[in-house]
Amino acid sequence: MSAAAAAPAVIRVQGLVTRLGGRVLHDHIDLEVFQSEVLGVVGGSGSGKSVLLRSIIGLQQPTAGTIEVLGQNIADLDGDELVRMQIRWGVLFQDGALFGDQTVAENVQIPLREHTDVPQQLMDEVASVKLSMVGLPPDAAGKYPAELSGGMRKRAGLARALALDPELLFLDEPTAGLDPISAAQFDELVRDLQRSLRLTVFMVTHDIDTLRATTDRIAVLVDSRITIGTIASLRDDPNPWIHEYFAGVRGRAALAT
């Protein structure tokens, strides 16, 4: 049994079926994510990676199956119960999802305004700490998202995802659109934060270098089903897409570094 599998499952997906527009994205898939691990989710375009993430956090209604997070069935939670659950996780969407008419600090403070009644001075202090935690300089707090580089916007979005000290972190294509150096730096940041904060990370990505640098296990969505392993083990998978992804030129290069 792996070290990850020895930990309790904090996300459990069983028999998940998702149909969208007459197409089956997920066909009775099962998945467990263990406490304090980084699970990467990959697959071809339209394979349902982001839909799976959205289903787990309650933004997408599956056709069938069950999703448990932190021991609770997401479908059984009413409005207030779901909000209390959502406080326990942070989400970084692909584009950062920052509000352009608010400063970086104000963006980071949004979860605090929505879910707490702490005074403004404390919110300012929390925002400062979170921005420092993700490697942004102090002067970034007063800037607007349009004044930041793509990598800095990603970091600001990550600071907001961490504002309420979550147990779980969901990342949707965190390095998409970043140059190789910025992507590698972001990978290192995610792994450092995961270790220091003991986060459980569920990460959708297409980047095999990110998978190599950050993940403990990888879930591959292909042909509406799911296969779980590591870069090394998935290289020998008989599925042609999986084999090519992990044993092709880029996969061999990632494994060699």
C-alpha atoms as a PDB file:
ATOM      1  CA  MET A   1       0.000   0.000   0.000  1.00  0.00           C
ATOM      2  CA  SER A   2       1.341   3.450  -0.944  1.00  0.00           C
ATOM      3  CA  ALA A   3       1.870   6.173   1.617  1.00  0.00           C
ATOM      4  CA  ALA A   4      -1.015   8.092   0.087  1.00  0.00           C
ATOM      5  CA  ALA A   5      -3.384   5.150   0.214  1.00  0.00           C
ATOM      6  CA  ALA A   6      -2.515   4.607   3.888  1.00  0.00           C
ATOM      7  CA  ALA A   7      -4.087   8.003   4.680  1.00  0.00           C
ATOM      8  CA  PRO A   8      -7.856   8.474   4.952  1.00  0.00           C
ATOM      9  CA  ALA A   9      -9.815   9.345   1.816  1.00  0.00           C
ATOM     10  CA  VAL A  10     -11.052  12.935   1.986  1.00  0.00           C
ATOM     11  CA  ILE A  11     -12.715  12.793  -1.440  1.00  0.00           C
ATOM     12  CA  ARG A  12     -14.582   9.694  -2.552  1.00  0.00           C
ATOM     13  CA  VAL A  13     -16.304   9.441  -5.940  1.00  0.00           C
ATOM     14  CA  GLN A  14     -18.335   6.300  -6.580  1.00  0.00           C
ATOM     15  CA  GLY A  15     -20.175   5.248  -9.722  1.00  0.00           C
ATOM     16  CA  LEU A  16     -20.128   8.766 -11.150  1.00  0.00           C
ATOM     17  CA  VAL A  17     -22.034   9.258 -14.393  1.00  0.00           C
ATOM     18  CA  THR A  18     -22.106  12.609 -16.166  1.00  0.00           C
ATOM     19  CA  ARG A  19     -24.019  13.221 -19.392  1.00  0.00           C
ATOM     20  CA  LEU A  20     -23.832  16.592 -21.123  1.00  0.00           C
ATOM     21  CA  GLY A  21     -25.511  17.339 -24.416  1.00  0.00           C
ATOM     22  CA  GLY A  22     -26.242  13.677 -25.024  1.00  0.00           C
ATOM     23  CA  ARG A  23     -22.592  12.747 -24.507  1.00  0.00           C
ATOM     24  CA  VAL A  24     -21.322  10.570 -21.658  1.00  0.00           C
ATOM     25  CA  LEU A  25     -18.318  12.255 -20.056  1.00  0.00           C
ATOM     26  CA  HIS A  26     -18.012   9.969 -17.029  1.00  0.00           C
ATOM     27  CA  ASP A  27     -19.199   6.378 -17.170  1.00  0.00           C
ATOM     28  CA  HIS A  28     -19.447   4.972 -13.620  1.00  0.00           C
ATOM     29  CA  ILE A  29     -16.048   6.203 -12.512  1.00  0.00           C
ATOM     30  CA  ASP A  30     -14.619   5.653  -9.023  1.00  0.00           C
ATOM     31  CA  LEU A  31     -11.945   7.820  -7.435  1.00  0.00           C
ATOM     32  CA  GLU A  32     -10.454   8.388  -4.013  1.00  0.00           C
ATOM     33  CA  VAL A  33      -8.222  11.285  -3.017  1.00  0.00           C
ATOM     34  CA  PHE A  34      -6.257  10.741   0.161  1.00  0.00           C
ATOM     35  CA  GLN A  35      -5.424  13.220   2.863  1.00  0.00           C
ATOM     36  CA  SER A  36      -2.347  15.378   2.195  1.00  0.00           C
ATOM     37  CA  GLU A  37      -1.701  14.031  -1.296  1.00  0.00           C
ATOM     38  CA  VAL A  38      -1.505  15.862  -4.597  1.00  0.00           C
ATOM     39  CA  LEU A  39      -3.672  14.175  -7.211  1.00  0.00           C
ATOM     40  CA  GLY A  40      -3.276  15.293 -10.807  1.00  0.00           C
ATOM     41  CA  VAL A  41      -6.142  14.832 -13.272  1.00  0.00           C
ATOM     42  CA  VAL A  42      -5.366  14.670 -16.992  1.00  0.00           C
ATOM     43  CA  GLY A  43      -7.137  13.719 -20.179  1.00  0.00           C
ATOM     44  CA  GLY A  44      -7.757  14.863 -23.713  1.00  0.00           C
ATOM     45  CA  SER A  45      -9.767  17.948 -24.629  1.00  0.00           C
ATOM     46  CA  GLY A  46     -13.409  17.434 -23.696  1.00  0.00           C
ATOM     47  CA  SER A  47     -12.696  14.405 -21.519  1.00  0.00           C
ATOM     48  CA  GLY A  48     -14.447  15.944 -18.521  1.00  0.00           C
ATOM     49  CA  LYS A  49     -11.533  16.953 -16.301  1.00  0.00           C
ATOM     50  CA  SER A  50     -12.894  20.336 -15.257  1.00  0.00           C
ATOM     51  CA  VAL A  51     -16.424  18.941 -15.105  1.00  0.00           C
ATOM     52  CA  LEU A  52     -15.206  16.389 -12.576  1.00  0.00           C
ATOM     53  CA  LEU A  53     -13.683  19.154 -10.467  1.00  0.00           C
ATOM     54  CA  ARG A  54     -16.874  21.216 -10.680  1.00  0.00           C
ATOM     55  CA  SER A  55     -18.931  18.172  -9.710  1.00  0.00           C
ATOM     56  CA  ILE A  56     -16.833  17.577  -6.604  1.00  0.00           C
ATOM     57  CA  ILE A  57     -17.215  21.182  -5.426  1.00  0.00           C
ATOM     58  CA  GLY A  58     -20.955  21.208  -6.064  1.00  0.00           C
ATOM     59  CA  LEU A  59     -21.081  23.409  -9.171  1.00  0.00           C
ATOM     60  CA  GLN A  60     -22.081  20.604 -11.550  1.00  0.00           C
ATOM     61  CA  GLN A  61     -24.896  18.122 -10.952  1.00  0.00           C
ATOM     62  CA  PRO A  62     -23.891  14.591 -12.007  1.00  0.00           C
ATOM     63  CA  THR A  63     -26.356  12.267 -13.690  1.00  0.00           C
ATOM     64  CA  ALA A  64     -25.748   9.463 -11.205  1.00  0.00           C
ATOM     65  CA  GLY A  65     -23.329   8.316  -8.540  1.00  0.00           C
ATOM     66  CA  THR A  66     -22.171   9.784  -5.244  1.00  0.00           C
ATOM     67  CA  ILE A  67     -19.515  12.283  -4.245  1.00  0.00           C
ATOM     68  CA  GLU A  68     -18.338  12.500  -0.646  1.00  0.00           C
ATOM     69  CA  VAL A  69     -16.021  15.247   0.556  1.00  0.00           C
ATOM     70  CA  LEU A  70     -14.659  15.200   4.084  1.00  0.00           C
ATOM     71  CA  GLY A  71     -17.130  12.447   4.949  1.00  0.00           C
ATOM     72  CA  GLN A  72     -20.242  14.214   3.663  1.00  0.00           C
ATOM     73  CA  ASN A  73     -22.304  13.484   0.584  1.00  0.00           C
ATOM     74  CA  ILE A  74     -22.309  16.707  -1.441  1.00  0.00           C
ATOM     75  CA  ALA A  75     -25.791  15.985  -2.821  1.00  0.00           C
ATOM     76  CA  ASP A  76     -27.236  15.837   0.701  1.00  0.00           C
ATOM     77  CA  LEU A  77     -26.027  19.297   1.722  1.00  0.00           C
ATOM     78  CA  ASP A  78     -28.536  22.149   1.730  1.00  0.00           C
ATOM     79  CA  GLY A  79     -27.551  25.758   1.054  1.00  0.00           C
ATOM     80  CA  ASP A  80     -26.095  26.603   4.460  1.00  0.00           C
ATOM     81  CA  GLU A  81     -24.448  23.197   4.857  1.00  0.00           C
ATOM     82  CA  LEU A  82     -22.850  23.484   1.434  1.00  0.00           C
ATOM     83  CA  VAL A  83     -21.516  26.938   2.295  1.00  0.00           C
ATOM     84  CA  ARG A  84     -19.975  25.584   5.495  1.00  0.00           C
ATOM     85  CA  MET A  85     -18.342  22.834   3.440  1.00  0.00           C
ATOM     86  CA  GLN A  86     -17.104  25.274   0.803  1.00  0.00           C
ATOM     87  CA  ILE A  87     -15.284  27.248   3.492  1.00  0.00           C
ATOM     88  CA  ARG A  88     -13.124  24.171   4.027  1.00  0.00           C
ATOM     89  CA  TRP A  89     -11.747  24.234   0.483  1.00  0.00           C
ATOM     90  CA  GLY A  90     -10.132  26.785  -1.794  1.00  0.00           C
ATOM     91  CA  VAL A  91     -10.424  26.912  -5.578  1.00  0.00           C
ATOM     92  CA  LEU A  92      -8.145  28.426  -8.207  1.00  0.00           C
ATOM     93  CA  PHE A  93      -9.912  28.508 -11.553  1.00  0.00           C
ATOM     94  CA  GLN A  94      -7.983  28.491 -14.800  1.00  0.00           C
ATOM     95  CA  ASP A  95      -7.991  32.238 -15.462  1.00  0.00           C
ATOM     96  CA  GLY A  96      -7.602  33.235 -11.815  1.00  0.00           C
ATOM     97  CA  ALA A  97     -11.175  34.621 -11.836  1.00  0.00           C
ATOM     98  CA  LEU A  98     -10.067  37.894 -10.268  1.00  0.00           C
ATOM     99  CA  PHE A  99     -12.448  40.857 -10.280  1.00  0.00           C
ATOM    100  CA  GLY A 100     -10.901  43.547 -12.432  1.00  0.00           C
ATOM    101  CA  ASP A 101     -12.520  46.446 -10.586  1.00  0.00           C
ATOM    102  CA  GLN A 102     -11.025  45.425  -7.242  1.00  0.00           C
ATOM    103  CA  THR A 103      -7.438  45.590  -6.083  1.00  0.00           C
ATOM    104  CA  VAL A 104      -5.461  42.426  -5.493  1.00  0.00           C
ATOM    105  CA  ALA A 105      -5.887  42.804  -1.723  1.00  0.00           C
ATOM    106  CA  GLU A 106      -9.636  43.304  -2.121  1.00  0.00           C
ATOM    107  CA  ASN A 107      -9.813  40.169  -4.280  1.00  0.00           C
ATOM    108  CA  VAL A 108      -8.013  38.145  -1.631  1.00  0.00           C
ATOM    109  CA  GLN A 109     -10.393  39.487   1.015  1.00  0.00           C
ATOM    110  CA  ILE A 110     -13.563  38.378  -0.812  1.00  0.00           C
ATOM    111  CA  PRO A 111     -13.888  35.036   1.065  1.00  0.00           C
ATOM    112  CA  LEU A 112     -13.333  36.866   4.356  1.00  0.00           C
ATOM    113  CA  ARG A 113     -16.116  39.341   3.578  1.00  0.00           C
ATOM    114  CA  GLU A 114     -18.489  36.574   2.522  1.00  0.00           C
ATOM    115  CA  HIS A 115     -17.888  34.145   5.376  1.00  0.00           C
ATOM    116  CA  THR A 116     -16.557  36.107   8.350  1.00  0.00           C
ATOM    117  CA  ASP A 117     -17.194  39.338  10.219  1.00  0.00           C
ATOM    118  CA  VAL A 118     -13.572  40.213  10.964  1.00  0.00           C
ATOM    119  CA  PRO A 119     -12.697  43.930  10.942  1.00  0.00           C
ATOM    120  CA  GLN A 120     -11.085  45.550   7.930  1.00  0.00           C
ATOM    121  CA  GLN A 121      -7.712  45.914   9.633  1.00  0.00           C
ATOM    122  CA  LEU A 122      -7.533  42.168  10.185  1.00  0.00           C
ATOM    123  CA  MET A 123      -8.629  41.500   6.612  1.00  0.00           C
ATOM    124  CA  ASP A 124      -5.799  43.748   5.417  1.00  0.00           C
ATOM    125  CA  GLU A 125      -3.339  41.797   7.556  1.00  0.00           C
ATOM    126  CA  VAL A 126      -4.630  38.442   6.283  1.00  0.00           C
ATOM    127  CA  ALA A 127      -4.371  39.602   2.674  1.00  0.00           C
ATOM    128  CA  SER A 128      -0.803  40.778   3.278  1.00  0.00           C
ATOM    129  CA  VAL A 129       0.167  37.421   4.782  1.00  0.00           C
ATOM    130  CA  LYS A 130      -1.462  35.385   2.000  1.00  0.00           C
ATOM    131  CA  LEU A 131       0.124  37.479  -0.744  1.00  0.00           C
ATOM    132  CA  SER A 132       3.516  37.059   0.865  1.00  0.00           C
ATOM    133  CA  MET A 133       2.854  33.336   1.199  1.00  0.00           C
ATOM    134  CA  VAL A 134       2.421  32.994  -2.565  1.00  0.00           C
ATOM    135  CA  GLY A 135       5.498  35.060  -3.334  1.00  0.00           C
ATOM    136  CA  LEU A 136       3.974  38.398  -4.335  1.00  0.00           C
ATOM    137  CA  PRO A 137       5.659  41.660  -3.256  1.00  0.00           C
ATOM    138  CA  PRO A 138       3.899  44.017  -0.806  1.00  0.00           C
ATOM    139  CA  ASP A 139       3.123  46.584  -3.494  1.00  0.00           C
ATOM    140  CA  ALA A 140       1.019  44.036  -5.395  1.00  0.00           C
ATOM    141  CA  ALA A 141      -1.761  44.444  -2.822  1.00  0.00           C
ATOM    142  CA  GLY A 142      -2.811  47.861  -4.125  1.00  0.00           C
ATOM    143  CA  LYS A 143      -2.621  46.986  -7.808  1.00  0.00           C
ATOM    144  CA  TYR A 144      -5.452  45.877 -10.064  1.00  0.00           C
ATOM    145  CA  PRO A 145      -5.366  42.520 -11.875  1.00  0.00           C
ATOM    146  CA  ALA A 146      -4.744  44.188 -15.246  1.00  0.00           C
ATOM    147  CA  GLU A 147      -1.497  45.601 -13.862  1.00  0.00           C
ATOM    148  CA  LEU A 148      -0.119  42.135 -13.075  1.00  0.00           C
ATOM    149  CA  SER A 149       1.570  39.571 -15.274  1.00  0.00           C
ATOM    150  CA  GLY A 150      -0.188  36.277 -15.935  1.00  0.00           C
ATOM    151  CA  GLY A 151       1.955  34.502 -13.366  1.00  0.00           C
ATOM    152  CA  MET A 152       1.250  37.150 -10.748  1.00  0.00           C
ATOM    153  CA  ARG A 153      -2.492  36.903 -11.385  1.00  0.00           C
ATOM    154  CA  LYS A 154      -2.276  33.150 -10.820  1.00  0.00           C
ATOM    155  CA  ARG A 155      -0.497  33.773  -7.529  1.00  0.00           C
ATOM    156  CA  ALA A 156      -3.103  36.340  -6.492  1.00  0.00           C
ATOM    157  CA  GLY A 157      -5.850  33.845  -7.266  1.00  0.00           C
ATOM    158  CA  LEU A 158      -4.007  31.250  -5.204  1.00  0.00           C
ATOM    159  CA  ALA A 159      -3.725  33.713  -2.302  1.00  0.00           C
ATOM    160  CA  ARG A 160      -7.498  34.176  -2.424  1.00  0.00           C
ATOM    161  CA  ALA A 161      -8.023  30.402  -2.501  1.00  0.00           C
ATOM    162  CA  LEU A 162      -5.956  30.172   0.692  1.00  0.00           C
ATOM    163  CA  ALA A 163      -7.643  33.098   2.461  1.00  0.00           C
ATOM    164  CA  LEU A 164      -9.730  30.937   4.807  1.00  0.00           C
ATOM    165  CA  ASP A 165      -6.979  28.395   5.566  1.00  0.00           C
ATOM    166  CA  PRO A 166      -8.656  25.540   3.667  1.00  0.00           C
ATOM    167  CA  GLU A 167      -8.008  21.827   4.114  1.00  0.00           C
ATOM    168  CA  LEU A 168      -8.472  21.090   0.405  1.00  0.00           C
ATOM    169  CA  LEU A 169      -7.166  22.991  -2.597  1.00  0.00           C
ATOM    170  CA  PHE A 170      -8.663  22.620  -6.079  1.00  0.00           C
ATOM    171  CA  LEU A 171      -6.585  23.855  -9.012  1.00  0.00           C
ATOM    172  CA  ASP A 172      -7.919  24.042 -12.576  1.00  0.00           C
ATOM    173  CA  GLU A 173      -5.052  24.236 -15.100  1.00  0.00           C
ATOM    174  CA  PRO A 174      -2.869  26.336 -12.768  1.00  0.00           C
ATOM    175  CA  THR A 175       0.030  26.718 -15.206  1.00  0.00           C
ATOM    176  CA  ALA A 176      -1.976  27.234 -18.404  1.00  0.00           C
ATOM    177  CA  GLY A 177      -0.712  30.238 -20.314  1.00  0.00           C
ATOM    178  CA  LEU A 178       2.497  30.589 -18.305  1.00  0.00           C
ATOM    179  CA  ASP A 179       5.961  30.503 -19.802  1.00  0.00           C
ATOM    180  CA  PRO A 180       8.116  27.501 -18.792  1.00  0.00           C
ATOM    181  CA  ILE A 181      10.033  29.392 -16.098  1.00  0.00           C
ATOM    182  CA  SER A 182       6.895  30.848 -14.501  1.00  0.00           C
ATOM    183  CA  ALA A 183       5.177  27.463 -14.726  1.00  0.00           C
ATOM    184  CA  ALA A 184       8.076  25.729 -12.980  1.00  0.00           C
ATOM    185  CA  GLN A 185       8.090  28.372 -10.262  1.00  0.00           C
ATOM    186  CA  PHE A 186       4.357  27.941  -9.750  1.00  0.00           C
ATOM    187  CA  ASP A 187       4.768  24.166  -9.543  1.00  0.00           C
ATOM    188  CA  GLU A 188       7.384  24.612  -6.825  1.00  0.00           C
ATOM    189  CA  LEU A 189       5.114  27.029  -4.971  1.00  0.00           C
ATOM    190  CA  VAL A 190       2.196  24.592  -5.014  1.00  0.00           C
ATOM    191  CA  ARG A 191       4.314  21.742  -3.721  1.00  0.00           C
ATOM    192  CA  ASP A 192       5.909  23.894  -0.997  1.00  0.00           C
ATOM    193  CA  LEU A 193       2.513  25.156   0.176  1.00  0.00           C
ATOM    194  CA  GLN A 194       1.048  21.657   0.109  1.00  0.00           C
ATOM    195  CA  ARG A 195       3.831  20.364   2.328  1.00  0.00           C
ATOM    196  CA  SER A 196       3.942  23.281   4.750  1.00  0.00           C
ATOM    197  CA  LEU A 197       0.152  23.562   5.120  1.00  0.00           C
ATOM    198  CA  ARG A 198      -0.531  19.821   4.794  1.00  0.00           C
ATOM    199  CA  LEU A 199      -3.064  20.476   2.069  1.00  0.00           C
ATOM    200  CA  THR A 200      -4.861  17.896   0.002  1.00  0.00           C
ATOM    201  CA  VAL A 201      -4.622  19.076  -3.614  1.00  0.00           C
ATOM    202  CA  PHE A 202      -6.880  18.088  -6.522  1.00  0.00           C
ATOM    203  CA  MET A 203      -5.327  19.505  -9.672  1.00  0.00           C
ATOM    204  CA  VAL A 204      -6.560  19.444 -13.252  1.00  0.00           C
ATOM    205  CA  THR A 205      -3.684  19.984 -15.666  1.00  0.00           C
ATOM    206  CA  HIS A 206      -2.477  19.156 -19.160  1.00  0.00           C
ATOM    207  CA  ASP A 207       1.188  19.787 -18.329  1.00  0.00           C
ATOM    208  CA  ILE A 208       3.255  16.656 -17.837  1.00  0.00           C
ATOM    209  CA  ASP A 209       6.077  18.680 -16.279  1.00  0.00           C
ATOM    210  CA  THR A 210       3.622  19.877 -13.631  1.00  0.00           C
ATOM    211  CA  LEU A 211       2.556  16.294 -13.026  1.00  0.00           C
ATOM    212  CA  ARG A 212       6.159  15.238 -12.543  1.00  0.00           C
ATOM    213  CA  ALA A 213       6.982  18.136 -10.236  1.00  0.00           C
ATOM    214  CA  THR A 214       3.931  18.121  -7.982  1.00  0.00           C
ATOM    215  CA  THR A 215       1.821  14.966  -7.954  1.00  0.00           C
ATOM    216  CA  ASP A 216       1.764  11.842  -5.826  1.00  0.00           C
ATOM    217  CA  ARG A 217      -0.711  10.067  -8.125  1.00  0.00           C
ATOM    218  CA  ILE A 218      -2.367  10.780 -11.460  1.00  0.00           C
ATOM    219  CA  ALA A 219      -5.936  10.102 -12.593  1.00  0.00           C
ATOM    220  CA  VAL A 220      -6.377   9.878 -16.364  1.00  0.00           C
ATOM    221  CA  LEU A 221      -9.789  10.399 -17.963  1.00  0.00           C
ATOM    222  CA  VAL A 222     -10.000   8.575 -21.290  1.00  0.00           C
ATOM    223  CA  ASP A 223     -13.047   7.153 -23.094  1.00  0.00           C
ATOM    224  CA  SER A 224     -15.315   8.194 -20.187  1.00  0.00           C
ATOM    225  CA  ARG A 225     -13.373   5.976 -17.751  1.00  0.00           C
ATOM    226  CA  ILE A 226     -10.609   6.643 -15.262  1.00  0.00           C
ATOM    227  CA  THR A 227      -7.175   5.085 -14.791  1.00  0.00           C
ATOM    228  CA  ILE A 228      -4.967   5.899 -11.810  1.00  0.00           C
ATOM    229  CA  GLY A 229      -1.214   5.555 -11.431  1.00  0.00           C
ATOM    230  CA  THR A 230       2.099   7.402 -11.635  1.00  0.00           C
ATOM    231  CA  ILE A 231       4.037   8.679 -14.642  1.00  0.00           C
ATOM    232  CA  ALA A 232       6.239   5.591 -14.481  1.00  0.00           C
ATOM    233  CA  SER A 233       3.388   3.079 -14.212  1.00  0.00           C
ATOM    234  CA  LEU A 234       1.145   4.792 -16.760  1.00  0.00           C
ATOM    235  CA  ARG A 235       3.857   4.585 -19.417  1.00  0.00           C
ATOM    236  CA  ASP A 236       3.028   0.885 -19.760  1.00  0.00           C
ATOM    237  CA  ASP A 237      -0.750   1.275 -19.836  1.00  0.00           C
ATOM    238  CA  PRO A 238      -2.304  -0.542 -22.810  1.00  0.00           C
ATOM    239  CA  ASN A 239      -4.650   2.338 -23.646  1.00  0.00           C
ATOM    240  CA  PRO A 240      -3.132   4.072 -26.718  1.00  0.00           C
ATOM    241  CA  TRP A 241      -3.847   7.624 -25.503  1.00  0.00           C
ATOM    242  CA  ILE A 242      -2.394   7.000 -22.050  1.00  0.00           C
ATOM    243  CA  HIS A 243       0.654   5.219 -23.439  1.00  0.00           C
ATOM    244  CA  GLU A 244       1.381   7.980 -25.934  1.00  0.00           C
ATOM    245  CA  TYR A 245       0.898  10.734 -23.341  1.00  0.00           C
ATOM    246  CA  PHE A 246       3.250   9.223 -20.795  1.00  0.00           C
ATOM    247  CA  ALA A 247       5.638   7.249 -23.020  1.00  0.00           C
ATOM    248  CA  GLY A 248       5.849   9.724 -25.880  1.00  0.00           C
ATOM    249  CA  VAL A 249       8.624  12.255 -26.349  1.00  0.00           C
ATOM    250  CA  ARG A 250       7.406  14.687 -23.680  1.00  0.00           C
ATOM    251  CA  GLY A 251       6.590  11.905 -21.242  1.00  0.00           C
ATOM    252  CA  ARG A 252      10.050  10.376 -21.590  1.00  0.00           C
ATOM    253  CA  ALA A 253      11.638  13.791 -21.124  1.00  0.00           C
ATOM    254  CA  ALA A 254       9.620  14.451 -17.947  1.00  0.00           C
ATOM    255  CA  LEU A 255      10.512  11.072 -16.507  1.00  0.00           C
ATOM    256  CA  ALA A 256      14.193  11.570 -17.282  1.00  0.00           C
ATOM    257  CA  THR A 257      14.538  14.897 -15.428  1.00  0.00           C
END
